[in-house]
Amino acid sequence: MIKRRCQWRALQKYLNNVDMAGRRNFIKKATLGTIGISTVLSCTNSKSDAPIVDTNKANKSLKKPVIISTWNHGLPANEATWKSMQNNDLTLDAIVTGMKIPEADPKVRSVGYGGFPDREGKVTLDACIMDHNSDCGSVSFLQNIKHPLSVAKLVLQKTPHVMLSGKGALQFAKEQGFKEENLLTKQTEKDWHKWMEKSKYAPVINTENHDTISMLVLDKEGNLSGGCTTSGAAWKIHGRVGDSPIIGAGLFLDNEVGAAAATGLGEAVIRTAGSAMVVELMRQGKSPYDACKEIVERIFNKHKNHRDMEYLQVGFIALNNKGEHGAYSLRSGFNYAIHDEKDGNRMEDAAFKMTWDD
């Protein structure tokens, strides 16, 4: 009798999770006296009233927290973010804390202070940030503010908007207490003058193993967040904005699925809504690595006869809500930093489709 009640509960649970057509089909094949579908009716303990576990919804040993970020300058950023999270800081605050390090480092020529300028000699910055609720903030074409990601976080927290740009972003930053400062260092200015001798535009990618820094975090609560900050392509036309401040291009996440971020030539990422597509492939069941690889392949197929192909480099990092991570790039040279409890903070080379000689 107990076993029959257990079977009946299992049958009810099954019927509640199929559509009417499937239910009618099931009933046609079943009899009231005997039901021979062991996967539906079996109970692990016929003497117990314990609920039946839906294994599809079971969480498979989450690895958390996990931090991943692009390039060598991700290592110190990861370290600072990790320490901030260990101090129970909010995840967005921890991301900003970590990203301030490359933003303020004049040796990092693709982010913040000391970043390569546009062809007019002006350093313009882009950044965005996104939390587990899909709330996001962004700034683009921001000048004279060393920490654009901090401004982007305040756009998220203190405005009804997602993105502020140019003079409006600068005005907002100053209203929030940020001070204007010259971001063009002597070394960067020297490089700019040297470039002007030929004035040939070609984005500087993979220089000294760094480019845009993007960071993805799975916190101890199992929630995803991310951030991205850059000074953009060197020698760009004044006013150019890349993928980094664009939600869905340079950064995207869905807390029920995973997160992804891009580095490399922003125009190619924008044309394909790169990071959003990586997340959507993870939603369909692909691993972070396979999702990154498929979108890089898509970008290659769309650009193999494009004028940008000569210097095109694009890479993605991805982190799902199980704590699994992966990366893939079009060309060799891309690496990323990973920080977790088990193995600490370290670098990993991303797989790639082709070398620079191909």
Protein backbone atom coordinates (compact mmCIF):
# COMPACT_ATOMS: atom_id res chain seq x y z
CA MET A 1 0.00 0.00 0.00
CA ILE A 2 2.83 2.40 0.89
CA LYS A 3 4.60 1.50 -2.33
CA ARG A 4 1.44 2.18 -4.35
CA ARG A 5 1.01 5.62 -2.74
CA CYS A 6 4.63 6.38 -3.58
CA GLN A 7 4.06 5.33 -7.18
CA TRP A 8 0.90 7.47 -7.40
CA ARG A 9 2.78 10.56 -6.14
CA ALA A 10 5.48 9.95 -8.75
CA LEU A 11 2.86 9.59 -11.48
CA GLN A 12 1.18 12.85 -10.42
CA LYS A 13 4.54 14.64 -10.45
CA TYR A 14 5.27 13.34 -13.93
CA LEU A 15 1.84 14.34 -15.29
CA ASN A 16 2.15 17.83 -13.84
CA ASN A 17 5.29 18.37 -15.88
CA VAL A 18 4.09 17.27 -19.33
CA ASP A 19 1.72 19.06 -21.70
CA MET A 20 -1.83 17.85 -22.37
CA ALA A 21 -0.89 16.07 -25.60
CA GLY A 22 1.90 14.26 -23.83
CA ARG A 23 -0.44 13.46 -20.93
CA ARG A 24 -3.07 11.90 -23.24
CA ASN A 25 -0.37 9.91 -25.00
CA PHE A 26 0.95 8.68 -21.68
CA ILE A 27 -2.51 7.61 -20.43
CA LYS A 28 -3.19 5.74 -23.66
CA LYS A 29 -0.09 3.64 -23.09
CA ALA A 30 -0.68 3.06 -19.39
CA THR A 31 -3.15 0.89 -17.50
CA LEU A 32 -4.69 1.62 -14.13
CA GLY A 33 -3.48 -1.60 -12.65
CA THR A 34 0.09 -1.78 -13.92
CA ILE A 35 2.48 1.01 -14.82
CA GLY A 36 5.81 -0.17 -16.10
CA ILE A 37 7.90 2.98 -16.36
CA SER A 38 10.55 2.51 -13.75
CA THR A 39 12.19 5.89 -14.27
CA VAL A 40 8.93 7.60 -13.38
CA LEU A 41 7.54 5.36 -10.66
CA SER A 42 10.53 4.05 -8.72
CA CYS A 43 11.18 5.43 -5.23
CA THR A 44 14.50 5.22 -3.51
CA ASN A 45 12.78 4.34 -0.24
CA SER A 46 9.24 2.94 -0.43
CA LYS A 47 8.86 3.31 3.32
CA SER A 48 9.60 7.03 3.31
CA ASP A 49 7.50 10.08 2.45
CA ALA A 50 10.61 12.03 1.37
CA PRO A 51 10.02 14.23 -1.72
CA ILE A 52 11.27 13.08 -5.09
CA VAL A 53 14.35 15.02 -6.19
CA ASP A 54 14.30 16.69 -9.61
CA THR A 55 17.86 15.92 -10.71
CA ASN A 56 17.67 18.46 -13.56
CA LYS A 57 17.47 21.22 -10.99
CA ALA A 58 20.05 19.80 -8.63
CA ASN A 59 23.07 22.05 -8.24
CA LYS A 60 26.25 20.19 -9.10
CA SER A 61 28.88 21.17 -6.52
CA LEU A 62 29.27 24.87 -7.19
CA LYS A 63 32.84 26.10 -7.18
CA LYS A 64 32.58 29.52 -5.57
CA PRO A 65 33.75 32.16 -5.34
CA VAL A 66 35.49 32.29 -8.71
CA ILE A 67 37.06 35.32 -10.40
CA ILE A 68 38.32 35.41 -13.97
CA SER A 69 39.73 38.39 -15.85
CA THR A 70 41.55 39.12 -19.08
CA TRP A 71 45.30 39.41 -19.60
CA ASN A 72 48.28 39.58 -17.24
CA HIS A 73 46.99 42.69 -15.51
CA GLY A 74 44.10 40.53 -14.38
CA LEU A 75 46.34 38.94 -11.73
CA PRO A 76 46.66 41.98 -9.43
CA ALA A 77 43.05 42.92 -10.19
CA ASN A 78 41.87 39.44 -9.18
CA GLU A 79 43.94 39.55 -6.01
CA ALA A 80 42.46 42.86 -4.87
CA THR A 81 38.92 41.77 -5.76
CA TRP A 82 39.37 38.49 -3.88
CA LYS A 83 40.60 40.28 -0.74
CA SER A 84 37.72 42.72 -0.92
CA MET A 85 35.22 39.87 -1.16
CA GLN A 86 36.87 38.11 1.78
CA ASN A 87 36.21 41.30 3.75
CA ASN A 88 32.52 40.89 2.85
CA ASP A 89 32.44 43.90 0.53
CA LEU A 90 29.62 43.93 -2.00
CA THR A 91 30.64 42.19 -5.21
CA LEU A 92 30.35 45.31 -7.38
CA ASP A 93 32.51 47.23 -4.92
CA ALA A 94 35.04 44.40 -4.99
CA ILE A 95 35.16 44.45 -8.78
CA VAL A 96 35.74 48.20 -8.80
CA THR A 97 38.48 47.81 -6.18
CA GLY A 98 40.31 45.27 -8.31
CA MET A 99 39.93 47.13 -11.59
CA LYS A 100 41.27 50.36 -10.09
CA ILE A 101 44.72 48.79 -10.12
CA PRO A 102 45.16 48.58 -13.92
CA GLU A 103 43.18 51.81 -14.36
CA ALA A 104 45.79 53.65 -12.30
CA ASP A 105 48.87 51.84 -13.62
CA PRO A 106 50.69 53.90 -16.30
CA LYS A 107 52.46 50.75 -17.49
CA VAL A 108 49.13 49.31 -18.62
CA ARG A 109 48.76 51.14 -21.91
CA SER A 110 45.24 50.00 -22.75
CA VAL A 111 43.39 51.07 -19.60
CA GLY A 112 42.89 54.35 -17.74
CA TYR A 113 45.87 56.50 -16.78
CA GLY A 114 48.63 56.22 -19.36
CA GLY A 115 46.40 54.51 -21.91
CA PHE A 116 47.09 55.10 -25.59
CA PRO A 117 45.32 58.26 -26.84
CA ASP A 118 43.25 58.87 -29.95
CA ARG A 119 44.83 60.53 -32.99
CA GLU A 120 44.31 63.94 -31.41
CA GLY A 121 46.35 62.95 -28.37
CA LYS A 122 43.36 62.66 -26.04
CA VAL A 123 42.83 59.68 -23.75
CA THR A 124 39.15 58.68 -23.81
CA LEU A 125 37.78 55.93 -21.61
CA ASP A 126 34.93 53.41 -21.75
CA ALA A 127 33.63 51.15 -18.98
CA CYS A 128 30.58 49.17 -17.88
CA ILE A 129 29.45 47.08 -14.93
CA MET A 130 26.58 44.63 -14.43
CA ASP A 131 25.13 42.78 -11.43
CA HIS A 132 23.17 39.59 -10.87
CA ASN A 133 19.85 41.43 -11.18
CA SER A 134 20.82 42.54 -14.71
CA ASP A 135 21.14 46.11 -13.48
CA CYS A 136 23.98 47.83 -15.29
CA GLY A 137 25.82 51.12 -15.66
CA SER A 138 28.12 52.40 -18.35
CA VAL A 139 30.19 55.39 -19.45
CA SER A 140 31.65 56.03 -22.87
CA PHE A 141 33.95 58.66 -24.36
CA LEU A 142 34.83 59.86 -20.85
CA GLN A 143 37.87 62.12 -20.53
CA ASN A 144 40.06 63.26 -17.62
CA ILE A 145 38.68 60.78 -15.06
CA LYS A 146 41.14 58.08 -13.97
CA HIS A 147 38.58 55.51 -12.79
CA PRO A 148 35.72 55.19 -15.32
CA LEU A 149 34.44 51.92 -13.85
CA SER A 150 33.73 53.71 -10.56
CA VAL A 151 31.67 56.24 -12.49
CA ALA A 152 29.82 53.44 -14.32
CA LYS A 153 28.89 51.87 -10.98
CA LEU A 154 27.34 55.16 -9.86
CA VAL A 155 25.40 55.38 -13.13
CA LEU A 156 23.90 52.02 -12.15
CA GLN A 157 23.22 53.03 -8.55
CA LYS A 158 22.20 56.68 -8.81
CA THR A 159 20.53 57.20 -12.19
CA PRO A 160 17.59 55.67 -14.09
CA HIS A 161 19.88 55.21 -17.11
CA VAL A 162 22.33 52.60 -18.35
CA MET A 163 24.86 54.74 -20.24
CA LEU A 164 26.21 58.28 -19.99
CA SER A 165 28.59 59.55 -22.63
CA GLY A 166 31.10 62.31 -23.34
CA LYS A 167 30.56 65.65 -21.65
CA GLY A 168 27.46 64.36 -19.89
CA ALA A 169 29.43 61.51 -18.33
CA LEU A 170 32.14 63.94 -17.26
CA GLN A 171 29.61 66.31 -15.72
CA PHE A 172 28.02 63.43 -13.79
CA ALA A 173 31.43 62.24 -12.57
CA LYS A 174 32.33 65.69 -11.28
CA GLU A 175 28.96 65.99 -9.55
CA GLN A 176 29.78 62.71 -7.77
CA GLY A 177 33.08 64.12 -6.50
CA PHE A 178 35.56 62.82 -9.10
CA LYS A 179 38.42 65.17 -9.95
CA GLU A 180 39.64 65.89 -13.46
CA GLU A 181 43.26 65.06 -14.20
CA ASN A 182 45.51 64.69 -17.21
CA LEU A 183 45.67 61.03 -18.21
CA LEU A 184 48.32 61.44 -20.91
CA THR A 185 51.68 60.44 -19.40
CA LYS A 186 55.00 61.63 -20.82
CA GLN A 187 55.72 58.18 -22.25
CA THR A 188 52.33 57.93 -23.90
CA GLU A 189 52.67 61.41 -25.33
CA LYS A 190 56.06 60.44 -26.74
CA ASP A 191 54.50 57.37 -28.37
CA TRP A 192 51.73 59.52 -29.83
CA HIS A 193 54.19 61.93 -31.44
CA LYS A 194 56.09 58.98 -32.88
CA TRP A 195 52.87 57.56 -34.33
CA MET A 196 52.04 60.91 -35.92
CA GLU A 197 55.15 60.65 -38.09
CA LYS A 198 53.32 58.07 -40.21
CA SER A 199 49.75 58.42 -38.90
CA LYS A 200 48.84 54.88 -39.93
CA TYR A 201 45.85 53.47 -38.10
CA ALA A 202 46.22 49.91 -36.88
CA PRO A 203 44.85 48.91 -33.48
CA VAL A 204 47.47 47.88 -30.95
CA ILE A 205 46.40 44.40 -29.87
CA ASN A 206 48.28 41.90 -27.67
CA THR A 207 50.92 44.53 -26.85
CA GLU A 208 52.92 43.18 -23.91
CA ASN A 209 50.07 40.75 -23.23
CA HIS A 210 47.39 43.22 -22.33
CA ASP A 211 44.38 44.96 -23.78
CA THR A 212 40.96 45.77 -22.34
CA ILE A 213 40.48 44.29 -18.88
CA SER A 214 37.22 42.47 -18.29
CA MET A 215 36.35 40.66 -15.06
CA LEU A 216 33.65 38.10 -14.24
CA VAL A 217 32.81 37.01 -10.68
CA LEU A 218 30.74 34.20 -9.21
CA ASP A 219 30.40 35.14 -5.54
CA LYS A 220 29.90 32.92 -2.49
CA GLU A 221 26.13 33.30 -2.80
CA GLY A 222 26.25 31.92 -6.33
CA ASN A 223 25.50 35.28 -7.97
CA LEU A 224 27.25 36.59 -11.07
CA SER A 225 28.60 40.09 -11.71
CA GLY A 226 31.04 41.62 -14.15
CA GLY A 227 32.92 44.72 -15.23
CA CYS A 228 34.93 46.03 -18.15
CA THR A 229 37.22 49.06 -18.49
CA THR A 230 39.48 50.35 -21.28
CA SER A 231 41.06 53.31 -23.02
CA GLY A 232 40.04 51.75 -26.33
CA ALA A 233 41.90 51.34 -29.59
CA ALA A 234 45.08 53.35 -29.90
CA TRP A 235 45.09 56.18 -32.45
CA LYS A 236 41.31 55.93 -33.02
CA ILE A 237 39.29 58.79 -34.51
CA HIS A 238 38.29 61.21 -31.77
CA GLY A 239 34.85 60.15 -30.58
CA ARG A 240 35.16 56.45 -31.37
CA VAL A 241 33.53 54.11 -28.87
CA GLY A 242 34.23 50.38 -28.83
CA ASP A 243 32.44 47.37 -27.40
CA SER A 244 33.57 47.77 -23.79
CA PRO A 245 30.79 50.09 -22.54
CA ILE A 246 28.07 48.29 -24.52
CA ILE A 247 26.03 45.76 -22.54
CA GLY A 248 25.66 42.71 -24.75
CA ALA A 249 28.85 43.36 -26.69
CA GLY A 250 31.81 43.84 -24.33
CA LEU A 251 29.99 42.34 -21.32
CA PHE A 252 26.83 40.39 -20.63
CA LEU A 253 25.46 38.07 -17.99
CA ASP A 254 22.31 36.26 -16.98
CA ASN A 255 22.38 35.06 -13.40
CA GLU A 256 20.44 31.91 -14.33
CA VAL A 257 23.02 30.94 -16.94
CA GLY A 258 26.44 32.58 -16.90
CA ALA A 259 28.55 35.59 -17.84
CA ALA A 260 30.86 36.50 -20.71
CA ALA A 261 33.18 39.35 -21.62
CA ALA A 262 35.29 40.32 -24.60
CA THR A 263 38.68 41.76 -25.40
CA GLY A 264 40.24 42.75 -28.70
CA LEU A 265 38.89 44.79 -31.60
CA GLY A 266 35.58 46.21 -30.43
CA GLU A 267 34.06 46.73 -33.86
CA ALA A 268 34.10 42.99 -34.52
CA VAL A 269 32.51 42.26 -31.14
CA ILE A 270 29.78 44.87 -31.68
CA ARG A 271 28.92 43.47 -35.12
CA THR A 272 28.13 40.10 -33.56
CA ALA A 273 26.77 41.08 -30.09
CA GLY A 274 29.60 38.85 -28.93
CA SER A 275 29.21 38.50 -25.16
CA ALA A 276 25.43 38.16 -25.29
CA MET A 277 25.77 35.39 -27.85
CA VAL A 278 28.27 33.51 -25.68
CA VAL A 279 25.77 33.59 -22.80
CA GLU A 280 22.95 32.43 -25.06
CA LEU A 281 25.00 29.45 -26.19
CA MET A 282 25.62 28.55 -22.54
CA ARG A 283 21.86 28.80 -22.02
CA GLN A 284 21.51 26.15 -24.73
CA GLY A 285 23.83 23.87 -22.79
CA LYS A 286 27.27 24.59 -24.22
CA SER A 287 30.26 24.79 -21.90
CA PRO A 288 31.95 28.19 -21.41
CA TYR A 289 34.83 27.08 -23.63
CA ASP A 290 32.61 25.78 -26.43
CA ALA A 291 30.42 28.90 -26.30
CA CYS A 292 33.46 31.19 -26.61
CA LYS A 293 34.87 29.09 -29.44
CA GLU A 294 31.66 29.13 -31.45
CA ILE A 295 31.35 32.92 -31.32
CA VAL A 296 35.00 33.39 -32.27
CA GLU A 297 34.38 31.09 -35.23
CA ARG A 298 31.35 33.19 -36.14
CA ILE A 299 33.41 36.37 -35.99
CA PHE A 300 36.09 34.78 -38.17
CA ASN A 301 33.57 33.71 -40.80
CA LYS A 302 32.09 37.19 -40.93
CA HIS A 303 35.49 38.91 -41.13
CA LYS A 304 37.74 36.58 -43.15
CA ASN A 305 37.37 38.83 -46.19
CA HIS A 306 37.02 42.04 -44.18
CA ARG A 307 39.47 44.95 -44.22
CA ASP A 308 40.04 44.44 -40.45
CA MET A 309 41.25 40.84 -40.86
CA GLU A 310 44.94 41.76 -41.13
CA TYR A 311 45.10 42.92 -37.51
CA LEU A 312 41.93 41.36 -36.11
CA GLN A 313 42.14 39.81 -32.66
CA VAL A 314 39.13 38.96 -30.50
CA GLY A 315 38.97 36.88 -27.34
CA PHE A 316 36.21 35.90 -24.92
CA ILE A 317 36.16 34.68 -21.35
CA ALA A 318 33.09 32.98 -19.90
CA LEU A 319 31.95 31.75 -16.49
CA ASN A 320 28.76 29.79 -15.89
CA ASN A 321 26.68 29.63 -12.73
CA LYS A 322 28.31 26.29 -11.82
CA GLY A 323 31.71 27.95 -11.55
CA GLU A 324 33.03 26.45 -14.78
CA HIS A 325 35.12 28.81 -16.89
CA GLY A 326 36.65 28.92 -20.34
CA ALA A 327 38.20 31.18 -22.95
CA TYR A 328 39.00 31.22 -26.65
CA SER A 329 40.56 33.72 -29.05
CA LEU A 330 40.89 34.20 -32.76
CA ARG A 331 44.67 34.51 -32.72
CA SER A 332 47.39 33.32 -30.38
CA GLY A 333 48.62 35.37 -27.45
CA PHE A 334 45.47 35.75 -25.34
CA ASN A 335 45.61 34.71 -21.70
CA TYR A 336 43.45 35.20 -18.65
CA ALA A 337 43.71 35.15 -14.88
CA ILE A 338 41.71 32.83 -12.59
CA HIS A 339 41.32 33.02 -8.84
CA ASP A 340 39.53 30.41 -6.73
CA GLU A 341 39.84 28.83 -3.30
CA LYS A 342 41.38 25.58 -4.49
CA ASP A 343 44.23 26.76 -6.73
CA GLY A 344 44.62 30.44 -5.87
CA ASN A 345 45.48 33.12 -8.41
CA ARG A 346 47.10 32.02 -11.67
CA MET A 347 47.28 32.58 -15.43
CA GLU A 348 45.98 30.33 -18.17
CA ASP A 349 46.62 30.57 -21.91
CA ALA A 350 43.49 30.57 -24.01
CA ALA A 351 43.10 28.20 -26.94
CA PHE A 352 43.00 29.92 -30.32
CA LYS A 353 42.00 29.38 -33.92
CA MET A 354 45.15 30.63 -35.66
CA THR A 355 48.54 32.22 -35.10
CA TRP A 356 49.61 35.67 -36.26
CA ASP A 357 51.58 34.03 -39.07
CA ASP A 358 48.56 32.20 -40.53
